[in-house]
Amino acid sequence: MNNFLAFWHSFGPHGGEQPEAIIVDKQGQISNNEWTLWSFDHKRPETIETWISEIGKVSPERVLVLCSAWKGRDPCDYPENIGYKGTKISAREYMEYRESRWQDWQAIPKEIRVTHPKRLASAFKVSKIILPGENNEIDNLLNLLSTNPMTWHPTFEVEWFKITRNCWLTHRPDSRYREFLIRAGNGFQLRPIRAVLVLTEPYVVKIRNPEHP
């Protein structure tokens, strides 16, 4: 556990799809394209660069995303995504991605479908999705417990990295923080986990829909 470092991702309904359907859809995209994009709220370039810097300090064998077994709201239902007169802003399909702010935007492969309510968002670049019971190493790391549906229930404690303070903290972050880095430490126990994403470099990208109003 000494070099354990991963992203935490609050994972639930998205764009009208339930988590189980999203996982199946993304697995198909990986099968067709070798990788896919998994969207989340827009992060500043400085935030992404700080994450990558922290990963580089540890050099883990692989970079993982732990997806919560959350039953929260669809991002389209968040107050900031409710338009004029209460009109819900629907998730739009993204057309372009960029691996760093110094690179040009390029077309998202046609085999990949990635959506989000906002014109700009961030995304994990995913090469594999692991579910409970599929990988002994991950099962042992995350302490698999058989439930229905099957989830991991980690018993080790973690710390999380707070970007605005540029340091690792031991208290549990509040619900405003939906994506953040974690590492093993004397902090708090993780909530149940539904899926693990294995990332490929550069791990996190920017995505956009130039036609989005």
N, C-alpha and C. Protein backbone atom coordinates (compact mmCIF):
# COMPACT_ATOMS: atom_id res chain seq x y z
N MET A 1 0.81 -1.22 0.00
CA MET A 1 0.00 0.00 0.00
C MET A 1 0.85 1.27 0.00
N ASN A 2 2.18 1.13 0.14
CA ASN A 2 3.01 2.32 0.28
C ASN A 2 2.94 3.24 -0.94
N ASN A 3 2.81 2.66 -2.15
CA ASN A 3 2.76 3.51 -3.34
C ASN A 3 1.36 3.54 -3.95
N PHE A 4 0.35 3.23 -3.13
CA PHE A 4 -1.03 3.27 -3.62
C PHE A 4 -1.46 4.72 -3.81
N LEU A 5 -1.92 5.04 -5.01
CA LEU A 5 -2.44 6.36 -5.32
C LEU A 5 -3.47 6.18 -6.42
N ALA A 6 -4.62 6.82 -6.26
CA ALA A 6 -5.70 6.66 -7.24
C ALA A 6 -6.58 7.90 -7.22
N PHE A 7 -7.47 7.98 -8.20
CA PHE A 7 -8.50 9.00 -8.19
C PHE A 7 -9.75 8.43 -7.53
N TRP A 8 -10.48 9.28 -6.82
CA TRP A 8 -11.84 8.96 -6.39
C TRP A 8 -12.80 9.67 -7.33
N HIS A 9 -13.87 8.97 -7.73
CA HIS A 9 -14.85 9.54 -8.66
C HIS A 9 -16.25 9.20 -8.16
N SER A 10 -17.05 10.23 -7.92
CA SER A 10 -18.45 10.01 -7.50
C SER A 10 -19.25 9.60 -8.73
N PHE A 11 -19.63 8.33 -8.77
CA PHE A 11 -20.22 7.73 -9.97
C PHE A 11 -21.66 7.36 -9.71
N GLY A 12 -22.54 7.87 -10.56
CA GLY A 12 -23.96 7.55 -10.45
C GLY A 12 -24.64 7.75 -11.78
N PRO A 13 -25.95 7.97 -11.78
CA PRO A 13 -26.67 8.21 -13.04
C PRO A 13 -26.08 9.39 -13.79
N HIS A 14 -26.11 9.32 -15.12
CA HIS A 14 -25.51 10.39 -15.93
C HIS A 14 -26.21 10.45 -17.28
N GLY A 15 -26.69 11.63 -17.63
CA GLY A 15 -27.32 11.82 -18.94
C GLY A 15 -28.51 10.92 -19.18
N GLY A 16 -29.23 10.58 -18.10
CA GLY A 16 -30.40 9.72 -18.22
C GLY A 16 -30.09 8.24 -18.20
N GLU A 17 -28.80 7.86 -18.10
CA GLU A 17 -28.40 6.45 -18.05
C GLU A 17 -28.06 6.04 -16.62
N GLN A 18 -28.37 4.81 -16.27
CA GLN A 18 -28.01 4.27 -14.97
C GLN A 18 -26.58 3.73 -15.01
N PRO A 19 -25.91 3.62 -13.85
CA PRO A 19 -24.50 3.19 -13.83
C PRO A 19 -24.23 1.88 -14.56
N GLU A 20 -25.11 0.90 -14.39
CA GLU A 20 -24.88 -0.40 -15.03
C GLU A 20 -24.84 -0.27 -16.55
N ALA A 21 -25.75 0.56 -17.10
CA ALA A 21 -25.78 0.76 -18.55
C ALA A 21 -24.55 1.53 -19.03
N ILE A 22 -24.10 2.48 -18.22
CA ILE A 22 -22.91 3.26 -18.59
C ILE A 22 -21.70 2.34 -18.68
N ILE A 23 -21.54 1.44 -17.71
CA ILE A 23 -20.40 0.53 -17.71
C ILE A 23 -20.41 -0.36 -18.95
N VAL A 24 -21.55 -0.93 -19.28
CA VAL A 24 -21.65 -1.78 -20.47
C VAL A 24 -21.31 -1.00 -21.73
N ASP A 25 -21.83 0.23 -21.83
CA ASP A 25 -21.57 1.07 -22.99
C ASP A 25 -20.08 1.38 -23.12
N LYS A 26 -19.43 1.75 -22.01
CA LYS A 26 -18.01 2.09 -22.04
C LYS A 26 -17.14 0.86 -22.33
N GLN A 27 -17.53 -0.30 -21.83
CA GLN A 27 -16.78 -1.52 -22.15
C GLN A 27 -16.81 -1.80 -23.65
N GLY A 28 -17.94 -1.55 -24.28
CA GLY A 28 -18.05 -1.74 -25.72
C GLY A 28 -17.17 -0.76 -26.48
N GLN A 29 -17.10 0.48 -26.00
CA GLN A 29 -16.25 1.48 -26.66
C GLN A 29 -14.77 1.10 -26.56
N ILE A 30 -14.36 0.58 -25.40
CA ILE A 30 -12.97 0.13 -25.25
C ILE A 30 -12.68 -1.03 -26.18
N SER A 31 -13.62 -1.93 -26.30
CA SER A 31 -13.45 -3.08 -27.20
C SER A 31 -13.25 -2.62 -28.64
N ASN A 32 -13.92 -1.55 -29.03
CA ASN A 32 -13.86 -1.08 -30.41
C ASN A 32 -12.71 -0.12 -30.67
N ASN A 33 -12.21 0.55 -29.61
CA ASN A 33 -11.25 1.63 -29.82
C ASN A 33 -9.99 1.52 -28.94
N GLU A 34 -9.92 0.53 -28.05
CA GLU A 34 -8.82 0.31 -27.12
C GLU A 34 -8.84 1.27 -25.93
N TRP A 35 -9.54 2.36 -26.01
CA TRP A 35 -9.70 3.28 -24.88
C TRP A 35 -10.98 4.08 -25.08
N THR A 36 -11.45 4.68 -24.00
CA THR A 36 -12.62 5.54 -24.09
C THR A 36 -12.43 6.75 -23.18
N LEU A 37 -13.38 7.66 -23.21
CA LEU A 37 -13.36 8.85 -22.36
C LEU A 37 -14.53 8.80 -21.38
N TRP A 38 -14.23 9.09 -20.13
CA TRP A 38 -15.22 9.01 -19.03
C TRP A 38 -15.35 10.41 -18.44
N SER A 39 -16.43 11.10 -18.73
CA SER A 39 -16.53 12.53 -18.42
C SER A 39 -16.83 12.80 -16.95
N PHE A 40 -16.40 13.98 -16.51
CA PHE A 40 -16.77 14.52 -15.19
C PHE A 40 -16.67 16.04 -15.27
N ASP A 41 -16.98 16.72 -14.17
CA ASP A 41 -17.04 18.18 -14.17
C ASP A 41 -15.73 18.81 -14.63
N HIS A 42 -15.85 19.94 -15.28
CA HIS A 42 -14.69 20.66 -15.80
C HIS A 42 -13.70 21.01 -14.69
N LYS A 43 -12.43 20.74 -14.93
CA LYS A 43 -11.35 21.11 -14.02
C LYS A 43 -10.39 22.06 -14.74
N ARG A 44 -9.85 23.00 -14.02
CA ARG A 44 -8.89 23.93 -14.60
C ARG A 44 -7.61 23.19 -15.03
N PRO A 45 -6.92 23.69 -16.04
CA PRO A 45 -5.67 23.04 -16.45
C PRO A 45 -4.68 22.91 -15.29
N GLU A 46 -4.64 23.92 -14.41
CA GLU A 46 -3.73 23.87 -13.28
C GLU A 46 -4.04 22.71 -12.34
N THR A 47 -5.32 22.41 -12.19
CA THR A 47 -5.73 21.29 -11.34
C THR A 47 -5.25 19.97 -11.93
N ILE A 48 -5.49 19.78 -13.22
CA ILE A 48 -5.06 18.55 -13.88
C ILE A 48 -3.55 18.40 -13.83
N GLU A 49 -2.84 19.49 -14.06
CA GLU A 49 -1.38 19.43 -14.03
C GLU A 49 -0.85 19.11 -12.64
N THR A 50 -1.51 19.61 -11.61
CA THR A 50 -1.11 19.28 -10.24
C THR A 50 -1.36 17.82 -9.95
N TRP A 51 -2.49 17.28 -10.39
CA TRP A 51 -2.76 15.85 -10.23
C TRP A 51 -1.65 15.02 -10.89
N ILE A 52 -1.31 15.37 -12.13
CA ILE A 52 -0.31 14.60 -12.86
C ILE A 52 1.05 14.69 -12.15
N SER A 53 1.35 15.85 -11.60
CA SER A 53 2.60 16.03 -10.86
C SER A 53 2.65 15.11 -9.65
N GLU A 54 1.54 15.02 -8.90
CA GLU A 54 1.49 14.15 -7.72
C GLU A 54 1.62 12.69 -8.12
N ILE A 55 1.01 12.31 -9.22
CA ILE A 55 1.16 10.93 -9.72
C ILE A 55 2.61 10.65 -10.06
N GLY A 56 3.28 11.62 -10.68
CA GLY A 56 4.67 11.44 -11.06
C GLY A 56 5.59 11.24 -9.88
N LYS A 57 5.26 11.83 -8.74
CA LYS A 57 6.09 11.68 -7.55
C LYS A 57 6.08 10.25 -7.02
N VAL A 58 4.97 9.54 -7.26
CA VAL A 58 4.79 8.18 -6.75
C VAL A 58 5.15 7.14 -7.80
N SER A 59 4.89 7.46 -9.07
CA SER A 59 5.10 6.52 -10.18
C SER A 59 4.45 5.17 -9.92
N PRO A 60 3.12 5.14 -9.70
CA PRO A 60 2.45 3.86 -9.46
C PRO A 60 2.52 2.97 -10.70
N GLU A 61 2.42 1.66 -10.47
CA GLU A 61 2.47 0.71 -11.58
C GLU A 61 1.36 0.99 -12.58
N ARG A 62 0.20 1.37 -12.09
CA ARG A 62 -0.90 1.78 -12.95
C ARG A 62 -1.75 2.81 -12.21
N VAL A 63 -2.37 3.68 -12.96
CA VAL A 63 -3.20 4.74 -12.38
C VAL A 63 -4.66 4.30 -12.45
N LEU A 64 -5.31 4.28 -11.30
CA LEU A 64 -6.68 3.78 -11.19
C LEU A 64 -7.65 4.90 -10.82
N VAL A 65 -8.91 4.68 -11.15
CA VAL A 65 -10.01 5.51 -10.67
C VAL A 65 -10.97 4.60 -9.92
N LEU A 66 -11.26 4.94 -8.67
CA LEU A 66 -12.23 4.18 -7.88
C LEU A 66 -13.58 4.86 -8.00
N CYS A 67 -14.54 4.16 -8.61
CA CYS A 67 -15.86 4.72 -8.87
C CYS A 67 -16.82 4.31 -7.77
N SER A 68 -17.41 5.27 -7.12
CA SER A 68 -18.28 4.98 -5.98
C SER A 68 -19.54 4.24 -6.40
N ALA A 69 -20.08 3.49 -5.46
CA ALA A 69 -21.38 2.83 -5.66
C ALA A 69 -22.46 3.78 -5.16
N TRP A 70 -22.51 4.93 -5.77
CA TRP A 70 -23.34 6.05 -5.33
C TRP A 70 -24.70 5.99 -6.00
N LYS A 71 -25.72 6.42 -5.31
CA LYS A 71 -27.07 6.47 -5.87
C LYS A 71 -27.56 7.91 -5.91
N GLY A 72 -26.65 8.84 -6.22
CA GLY A 72 -26.97 10.26 -6.21
C GLY A 72 -27.70 10.72 -7.45
N ARG A 73 -27.76 12.05 -7.59
CA ARG A 73 -28.49 12.66 -8.70
C ARG A 73 -27.68 12.65 -9.99
N ASP A 74 -28.39 12.64 -11.09
CA ASP A 74 -27.80 12.84 -12.40
C ASP A 74 -27.26 14.27 -12.46
N PRO A 75 -26.04 14.48 -13.01
CA PRO A 75 -25.53 15.86 -13.14
C PRO A 75 -26.49 16.80 -13.85
N CYS A 76 -27.30 16.28 -14.75
CA CYS A 76 -28.28 17.12 -15.44
C CYS A 76 -29.30 17.71 -14.47
N ASP A 77 -29.41 17.12 -13.26
CA ASP A 77 -30.36 17.59 -12.27
C ASP A 77 -29.75 18.56 -11.26
N TYR A 78 -28.44 18.81 -11.36
CA TYR A 78 -27.81 19.75 -10.43
C TYR A 78 -28.38 21.15 -10.67
N PRO A 79 -28.49 21.96 -9.62
CA PRO A 79 -29.04 23.32 -9.79
C PRO A 79 -28.34 24.14 -10.86
N GLU A 80 -26.99 24.00 -10.96
CA GLU A 80 -26.26 24.80 -11.95
C GLU A 80 -26.57 24.38 -13.38
N ASN A 81 -27.23 23.23 -13.56
CA ASN A 81 -27.57 22.76 -14.90
C ASN A 81 -29.06 22.87 -15.19
N ILE A 82 -29.76 23.65 -14.38
CA ILE A 82 -31.17 23.94 -14.62
C ILE A 82 -31.26 25.32 -15.25
N GLY A 83 -31.82 25.39 -16.43
CA GLY A 83 -31.85 26.64 -17.18
C GLY A 83 -33.01 27.55 -16.82
N TYR A 84 -33.27 28.47 -17.70
CA TYR A 84 -34.31 29.48 -17.51
C TYR A 84 -35.67 28.82 -17.33
N LYS A 85 -36.44 29.30 -16.36
CA LYS A 85 -37.77 28.79 -16.05
C LYS A 85 -37.77 27.31 -15.69
N GLY A 86 -36.66 26.85 -15.10
CA GLY A 86 -36.62 25.48 -14.62
C GLY A 86 -36.38 24.42 -15.67
N THR A 87 -35.98 24.84 -16.86
CA THR A 87 -35.73 23.89 -17.94
C THR A 87 -34.43 23.13 -17.69
N LYS A 88 -34.48 21.82 -17.70
CA LYS A 88 -33.30 21.01 -17.49
C LYS A 88 -32.41 21.02 -18.73
N ILE A 89 -31.10 21.24 -18.51
CA ILE A 89 -30.14 21.20 -19.61
C ILE A 89 -29.75 19.75 -19.84
N SER A 90 -30.03 19.22 -21.02
CA SER A 90 -29.75 17.82 -21.30
C SER A 90 -28.26 17.62 -21.57
N ALA A 91 -27.82 16.38 -21.39
CA ALA A 91 -26.42 16.05 -21.69
C ALA A 91 -26.21 16.10 -23.21
N ARG A 92 -25.13 16.75 -23.62
CA ARG A 92 -24.79 16.86 -25.04
C ARG A 92 -23.59 15.98 -25.35
N GLU A 93 -23.53 15.52 -26.59
CA GLU A 93 -22.40 14.68 -26.99
C GLU A 93 -21.19 15.55 -27.33
N TYR A 94 -20.03 15.16 -26.85
CA TYR A 94 -18.81 15.91 -27.10
C TYR A 94 -18.18 15.49 -28.42
N MET A 95 -17.51 16.48 -29.04
CA MET A 95 -16.95 16.26 -30.37
C MET A 95 -15.42 16.26 -30.38
N GLU A 96 -14.77 16.96 -29.42
CA GLU A 96 -13.33 17.14 -29.46
C GLU A 96 -12.70 16.92 -28.09
N TYR A 97 -11.42 16.56 -28.09
CA TYR A 97 -10.67 16.43 -26.84
C TYR A 97 -9.27 16.98 -27.02
N ARG A 98 -8.63 17.32 -25.90
CA ARG A 98 -7.28 17.86 -25.93
C ARG A 98 -6.51 17.30 -24.74
N GLU A 99 -5.31 16.79 -25.00
CA GLU A 99 -4.56 16.11 -23.95
C GLU A 99 -3.77 17.06 -23.06
N SER A 100 -3.53 18.28 -23.50
CA SER A 100 -2.93 19.31 -22.66
C SER A 100 -3.27 20.66 -23.25
N ARG A 101 -3.08 21.72 -22.47
CA ARG A 101 -3.45 23.05 -22.96
C ARG A 101 -2.48 23.55 -24.03
N TRP A 102 -1.37 22.86 -24.23
CA TRP A 102 -0.41 23.24 -25.26
C TRP A 102 -0.64 22.50 -26.58
N GLN A 103 -1.63 21.61 -26.60
CA GLN A 103 -1.90 20.84 -27.81
C GLN A 103 -3.19 21.32 -28.47
N ASP A 104 -3.33 21.01 -29.74
CA ASP A 104 -4.54 21.37 -30.48
C ASP A 104 -5.67 20.43 -30.11
N TRP A 105 -6.89 20.90 -30.29
CA TRP A 105 -8.07 20.05 -30.14
C TRP A 105 -8.11 19.06 -31.29
N GLN A 106 -8.54 17.84 -31.01
CA GLN A 106 -8.68 16.83 -32.06
C GLN A 106 -10.02 16.11 -31.91
N ALA A 107 -10.47 15.53 -33.00
CA ALA A 107 -11.77 14.89 -33.01
C ALA A 107 -11.78 13.64 -32.12
N ILE A 108 -12.84 13.49 -31.36
CA ILE A 108 -13.02 12.27 -30.57
C ILE A 108 -13.34 11.13 -31.54
N PRO A 109 -12.67 9.97 -31.41
CA PRO A 109 -12.94 8.86 -32.33
C PRO A 109 -14.43 8.52 -32.39
N LYS A 110 -14.87 8.15 -33.59
CA LYS A 110 -16.30 7.89 -33.80
C LYS A 110 -16.81 6.73 -32.97
N GLU A 111 -15.89 5.84 -32.50
CA GLU A 111 -16.31 4.70 -31.68
C GLU A 111 -16.65 5.11 -30.26
N ILE A 112 -16.31 6.35 -29.89
CA ILE A 112 -16.51 6.82 -28.51
C ILE A 112 -17.67 7.80 -28.47
N ARG A 113 -18.52 7.60 -27.50
CA ARG A 113 -19.62 8.55 -27.24
C ARG A 113 -19.47 9.03 -25.80
N VAL A 114 -19.29 10.34 -25.63
CA VAL A 114 -19.12 10.90 -24.30
C VAL A 114 -19.98 12.14 -24.18
N THR A 115 -20.74 12.24 -23.08
CA THR A 115 -21.70 13.33 -22.93
C THR A 115 -21.52 14.04 -21.59
N HIS A 116 -22.06 15.27 -21.53
CA HIS A 116 -22.05 16.06 -20.30
C HIS A 116 -22.95 17.27 -20.53
N PRO A 117 -23.53 17.85 -19.47
CA PRO A 117 -24.42 19.00 -19.68
C PRO A 117 -23.72 20.27 -20.11
N LYS A 118 -22.44 20.44 -19.76
CA LYS A 118 -21.74 21.70 -20.01
C LYS A 118 -20.98 21.67 -21.33
N ARG A 119 -20.64 22.88 -21.84
CA ARG A 119 -19.88 22.97 -23.09
C ARG A 119 -18.47 22.41 -22.91
N LEU A 120 -17.86 22.64 -21.77
CA LEU A 120 -16.53 22.14 -21.45
C LEU A 120 -16.61 21.18 -20.28
N ALA A 121 -15.80 20.14 -20.33
CA ALA A 121 -15.73 19.19 -19.22
C ALA A 121 -14.35 18.54 -19.23
N SER A 122 -14.10 17.70 -18.26
CA SER A 122 -12.89 16.91 -18.21
C SER A 122 -13.27 15.44 -18.35
N ALA A 123 -12.27 14.61 -18.63
CA ALA A 123 -12.56 13.19 -18.79
C ALA A 123 -11.34 12.36 -18.46
N PHE A 124 -11.57 11.19 -17.86
CA PHE A 124 -10.51 10.20 -17.69
C PHE A 124 -10.33 9.45 -19.01
N LYS A 125 -9.08 9.16 -19.36
CA LYS A 125 -8.81 8.35 -20.54
C LYS A 125 -8.63 6.91 -20.07
N VAL A 126 -9.60 6.06 -20.38
CA VAL A 126 -9.75 4.74 -19.76
C VAL A 126 -9.41 3.62 -20.74
N SER A 127 -8.55 2.70 -20.30
CA SER A 127 -8.18 1.56 -21.14
C SER A 127 -8.82 0.26 -20.69
N LYS A 128 -9.37 0.24 -19.46
CA LYS A 128 -9.97 -0.99 -18.95
C LYS A 128 -10.91 -0.65 -17.81
N ILE A 129 -11.97 -1.44 -17.68
CA ILE A 129 -12.90 -1.32 -16.55
C ILE A 129 -12.92 -2.65 -15.82
N ILE A 130 -12.67 -2.62 -14.51
CA ILE A 130 -12.63 -3.83 -13.70
C ILE A 130 -13.81 -3.80 -12.73
N LEU A 131 -14.54 -4.90 -12.67
CA LEU A 131 -15.68 -5.03 -11.75
C LEU A 131 -15.33 -6.02 -10.65
N PRO A 132 -16.02 -5.97 -9.52
CA PRO A 132 -15.73 -6.90 -8.42
C PRO A 132 -15.75 -8.35 -8.88
N GLY A 133 -14.73 -9.12 -8.45
CA GLY A 133 -14.65 -10.53 -8.77
C GLY A 133 -13.90 -10.84 -10.05
N GLU A 134 -13.46 -9.80 -10.79
CA GLU A 134 -12.80 -10.02 -12.08
C GLU A 134 -11.27 -10.02 -12.00
N ASN A 135 -10.72 -9.48 -10.92
CA ASN A 135 -9.27 -9.32 -10.83
C ASN A 135 -8.85 -9.56 -9.38
N ASN A 136 -8.10 -10.67 -9.14
CA ASN A 136 -7.73 -11.03 -7.78
C ASN A 136 -6.91 -9.95 -7.08
N GLU A 137 -6.01 -9.31 -7.84
CA GLU A 137 -5.17 -8.27 -7.24
C GLU A 137 -6.02 -7.11 -6.73
N ILE A 138 -6.96 -6.66 -7.56
CA ILE A 138 -7.83 -5.55 -7.16
C ILE A 138 -8.76 -6.00 -6.04
N ASP A 139 -9.28 -7.23 -6.13
CA ASP A 139 -10.16 -7.73 -5.08
C ASP A 139 -9.45 -7.73 -3.73
N ASN A 140 -8.20 -8.17 -3.71
CA ASN A 140 -7.45 -8.22 -2.46
C ASN A 140 -7.14 -6.81 -1.96
N LEU A 141 -6.82 -5.91 -2.87
CA LEU A 141 -6.50 -4.54 -2.49
C LEU A 141 -7.71 -3.84 -1.88
N LEU A 142 -8.87 -4.04 -2.48
CA LEU A 142 -10.06 -3.29 -2.07
C LEU A 142 -11.00 -4.10 -1.19
N ASN A 143 -10.59 -5.31 -0.78
CA ASN A 143 -11.37 -6.12 0.16
C ASN A 143 -12.79 -6.38 -0.35
N LEU A 144 -12.88 -7.21 -1.37
CA LEU A 144 -14.16 -7.53 -1.98
C LEU A 144 -15.11 -8.17 -0.98
N LEU A 145 -16.31 -7.67 -0.92
CA LEU A 145 -17.39 -8.29 -0.16
C LEU A 145 -18.52 -8.59 -1.12
N SER A 146 -19.12 -9.75 -1.01
CA SER A 146 -20.21 -10.12 -1.90
C SER A 146 -21.51 -9.50 -1.42
N THR A 147 -22.02 -8.57 -2.20
CA THR A 147 -23.31 -7.97 -1.91
C THR A 147 -24.11 -8.00 -3.20
N ASN A 148 -25.27 -7.42 -3.20
CA ASN A 148 -26.08 -7.43 -4.41
C ASN A 148 -26.53 -6.00 -4.71
N PRO A 149 -25.97 -5.30 -5.72
CA PRO A 149 -24.93 -5.80 -6.60
C PRO A 149 -23.59 -5.88 -5.89
N MET A 150 -22.63 -6.62 -6.45
CA MET A 150 -21.34 -6.78 -5.81
C MET A 150 -20.58 -5.45 -5.80
N THR A 151 -20.00 -5.15 -4.66
CA THR A 151 -19.21 -3.93 -4.51
C THR A 151 -17.99 -4.23 -3.67
N TRP A 152 -16.99 -3.33 -3.77
CA TRP A 152 -15.86 -3.41 -2.86
C TRP A 152 -16.13 -2.53 -1.65
N HIS A 153 -15.69 -2.99 -0.48
CA HIS A 153 -15.82 -2.22 0.76
C HIS A 153 -14.44 -2.10 1.39
N PRO A 154 -13.62 -1.13 0.96
CA PRO A 154 -12.26 -1.03 1.49
C PRO A 154 -12.24 -0.80 3.00
N THR A 155 -11.29 -1.43 3.68
CA THR A 155 -11.15 -1.25 5.12
C THR A 155 -9.93 -0.42 5.48
N PHE A 156 -9.02 -0.18 4.52
CA PHE A 156 -7.86 0.66 4.81
C PHE A 156 -8.26 2.14 4.77
N GLU A 157 -7.43 2.99 5.36
CA GLU A 157 -7.71 4.41 5.40
C GLU A 157 -6.89 5.16 4.35
N VAL A 158 -7.42 6.30 3.93
CA VAL A 158 -6.75 7.11 2.91
C VAL A 158 -6.71 8.58 3.32
N GLU A 159 -5.83 9.30 2.65
CA GLU A 159 -5.79 10.75 2.69
C GLU A 159 -6.20 11.26 1.32
N TRP A 160 -6.62 12.53 1.24
CA TRP A 160 -6.98 13.10 -0.06
C TRP A 160 -6.22 14.39 -0.30
N PHE A 161 -5.98 14.70 -1.59
CA PHE A 161 -5.20 15.87 -1.96
C PHE A 161 -6.13 17.03 -2.27
N LYS A 162 -5.97 18.13 -1.51
CA LYS A 162 -6.78 19.32 -1.73
C LYS A 162 -6.00 20.32 -2.57
N ILE A 163 -6.51 20.59 -3.77
CA ILE A 163 -5.80 21.41 -4.73
C ILE A 163 -5.55 22.82 -4.18
N THR A 164 -6.56 23.43 -3.56
CA THR A 164 -6.43 24.83 -3.15
C THR A 164 -5.42 25.03 -2.04
N ARG A 165 -5.10 23.96 -1.32
CA ARG A 165 -4.07 24.06 -0.27
C ARG A 165 -2.78 23.35 -0.64
N ASN A 166 -2.81 22.64 -1.78
CA ASN A 166 -1.64 21.93 -2.29
C ASN A 166 -1.04 21.00 -1.23
N CYS A 167 -1.91 20.23 -0.57
CA CYS A 167 -1.41 19.33 0.46
C CYS A 167 -2.39 18.17 0.65
N TRP A 168 -1.92 17.13 1.33
CA TRP A 168 -2.74 15.95 1.63
C TRP A 168 -3.42 16.15 2.99
N LEU A 169 -4.71 15.80 3.06
CA LEU A 169 -5.49 15.98 4.27
C LEU A 169 -6.08 14.64 4.72
N THR A 170 -6.37 14.55 6.01
CA THR A 170 -6.85 13.28 6.58
C THR A 170 -8.35 13.24 6.81
N HIS A 171 -9.03 14.39 6.83
CA HIS A 171 -10.47 14.37 7.05
C HIS A 171 -11.21 14.06 5.75
N ARG A 172 -12.41 13.54 5.86
CA ARG A 172 -13.21 13.22 4.67
C ARG A 172 -13.67 14.51 3.99
N PRO A 173 -13.45 14.66 2.68
CA PRO A 173 -13.94 15.87 1.99
C PRO A 173 -15.45 15.91 1.94
N ASP A 174 -16.00 17.11 1.86
CA ASP A 174 -17.46 17.21 1.79
C ASP A 174 -17.93 16.91 0.37
N SER A 175 -19.25 16.91 0.20
CA SER A 175 -19.85 16.43 -1.04
C SER A 175 -19.57 17.33 -2.25
N ARG A 176 -19.02 18.52 -2.03
CA ARG A 176 -18.68 19.38 -3.16
C ARG A 176 -17.57 18.78 -4.01
N TYR A 177 -16.75 17.95 -3.39
CA TYR A 177 -15.60 17.37 -4.08
C TYR A 177 -16.00 16.01 -4.65
N ARG A 178 -16.13 15.95 -5.97
CA ARG A 178 -16.61 14.73 -6.62
C ARG A 178 -15.48 13.92 -7.24
N GLU A 179 -14.35 14.57 -7.54
CA GLU A 179 -13.16 13.90 -8.05
C GLU A 179 -11.94 14.45 -7.33
N PHE A 180 -11.10 13.55 -6.84
CA PHE A 180 -9.88 13.98 -6.16
C PHE A 180 -8.92 12.80 -6.07
N LEU A 181 -7.65 13.11 -5.81
CA LEU A 181 -6.63 12.07 -5.62
C LEU A 181 -6.68 11.56 -4.20
N ILE A 182 -6.42 10.24 -4.03
CA ILE A 182 -6.31 9.64 -2.71
C ILE A 182 -5.03 8.81 -2.64
N ARG A 183 -4.53 8.63 -1.42
CA ARG A 183 -3.40 7.74 -1.18
C ARG A 183 -3.59 7.09 0.17
N ALA A 184 -2.92 5.98 0.39
CA ALA A 184 -3.01 5.30 1.69
C ALA A 184 -2.46 6.20 2.78
N GLY A 185 -3.13 6.23 3.94
CA GLY A 185 -2.69 7.08 5.04
C GLY A 185 -3.63 6.96 6.21
N ASN A 186 -3.34 7.66 7.28
CA ASN A 186 -4.16 7.62 8.50
C ASN A 186 -5.25 8.67 8.41
N GLY A 187 -6.24 8.38 7.57
CA GLY A 187 -7.31 9.34 7.34
C GLY A 187 -8.69 8.76 7.56
N PHE A 188 -9.41 8.50 6.47
CA PHE A 188 -10.80 8.03 6.55
C PHE A 188 -10.97 6.82 5.65
N GLN A 189 -12.00 6.02 5.92
CA GLN A 189 -12.31 4.86 5.09
C GLN A 189 -13.15 5.29 3.90
N LEU A 190 -12.89 4.64 2.77
CA LEU A 190 -13.64 4.92 1.56
C LEU A 190 -15.04 4.32 1.63
N ARG A 191 -15.94 4.94 0.91
CA ARG A 191 -17.29 4.39 0.76
C ARG A 191 -17.25 3.23 -0.24
N PRO A 192 -18.32 2.44 -0.34
CA PRO A 192 -18.34 1.30 -1.27
C PRO A 192 -18.01 1.72 -2.71
N ILE A 193 -17.38 0.79 -3.43
CA ILE A 193 -16.90 1.05 -4.79
C ILE A 193 -17.58 0.09 -5.76
N ARG A 194 -18.06 0.65 -6.87
CA ARG A 194 -18.78 -0.14 -7.87
C ARG A 194 -17.86 -0.66 -8.98
N ALA A 195 -16.89 0.14 -9.38
CA ALA A 195 -16.02 -0.23 -10.51
C ALA A 195 -14.68 0.47 -10.37
N VAL A 196 -13.67 -0.11 -11.00
CA VAL A 196 -12.33 0.49 -11.05
C VAL A 196 -11.97 0.72 -12.50
N LEU A 197 -11.54 1.94 -12.82
CA LEU A 197 -11.08 2.28 -14.16
C LEU A 197 -9.55 2.25 -14.18
N VAL A 198 -8.99 1.63 -15.19
CA VAL A 198 -7.54 1.66 -15.40
C VAL A 198 -7.27 2.71 -16.47
N LEU A 199 -6.43 3.69 -16.16
CA LEU A 199 -6.20 4.81 -17.06
C LEU A 199 -4.96 4.59 -17.93
N THR A 200 -4.99 5.25 -19.07
CA THR A 200 -3.82 5.30 -19.95
C THR A 200 -3.41 6.75 -20.09
N GLU A 201 -2.14 6.98 -20.34
CA GLU A 201 -1.64 8.36 -20.40
C GLU A 201 -2.34 9.16 -21.49
N PRO A 202 -2.58 10.43 -21.24
CA PRO A 202 -2.15 11.26 -20.11
C PRO A 202 -3.09 11.25 -18.91
N TYR A 203 -3.97 10.27 -18.82
CA TYR A 203 -4.85 10.02 -17.67
C TYR A 203 -6.09 10.92 -17.66
N VAL A 204 -5.90 12.24 -17.77
CA VAL A 204 -7.04 13.18 -17.74
C VAL A 204 -6.93 14.12 -18.92
N VAL A 205 -8.03 14.33 -19.64
CA VAL A 205 -8.04 15.23 -20.81
C VAL A 205 -9.18 16.22 -20.67
N LYS A 206 -9.15 17.23 -21.53
CA LYS A 206 -10.26 18.18 -21.65
C LYS A 206 -11.12 17.76 -22.83
N ILE A 207 -12.43 17.96 -22.72
CA ILE A 207 -13.35 17.66 -23.81
C ILE A 207 -14.29 18.85 -24.01
N ARG A 208 -14.78 18.99 -25.24
CA ARG A 208 -15.68 20.12 -25.50
C ARG A 208 -16.62 19.79 -26.65
N ASN A 209 -17.69 20.58 -26.71
CA ASN A 209 -18.60 20.56 -27.83
C ASN A 209 -18.67 21.98 -28.37
N PRO A 210 -17.94 22.29 -29.45
CA PRO A 210 -17.90 23.66 -29.95
C PRO A 210 -19.28 24.20 -30.33
N GLU A 211 -20.23 23.30 -30.61
CA GLU A 211 -21.57 23.73 -31.02
C GLU A 211 -22.51 23.96 -29.85
N HIS A 212 -22.05 23.63 -28.64
CA HIS A 212 -22.88 23.78 -27.44
C HIS A 212 -23.08 25.27 -27.18
N PRO A 213 -24.31 25.74 -26.94
CA PRO A 213 -24.55 27.18 -26.68
C PRO A 213 -23.91 27.62 -25.37
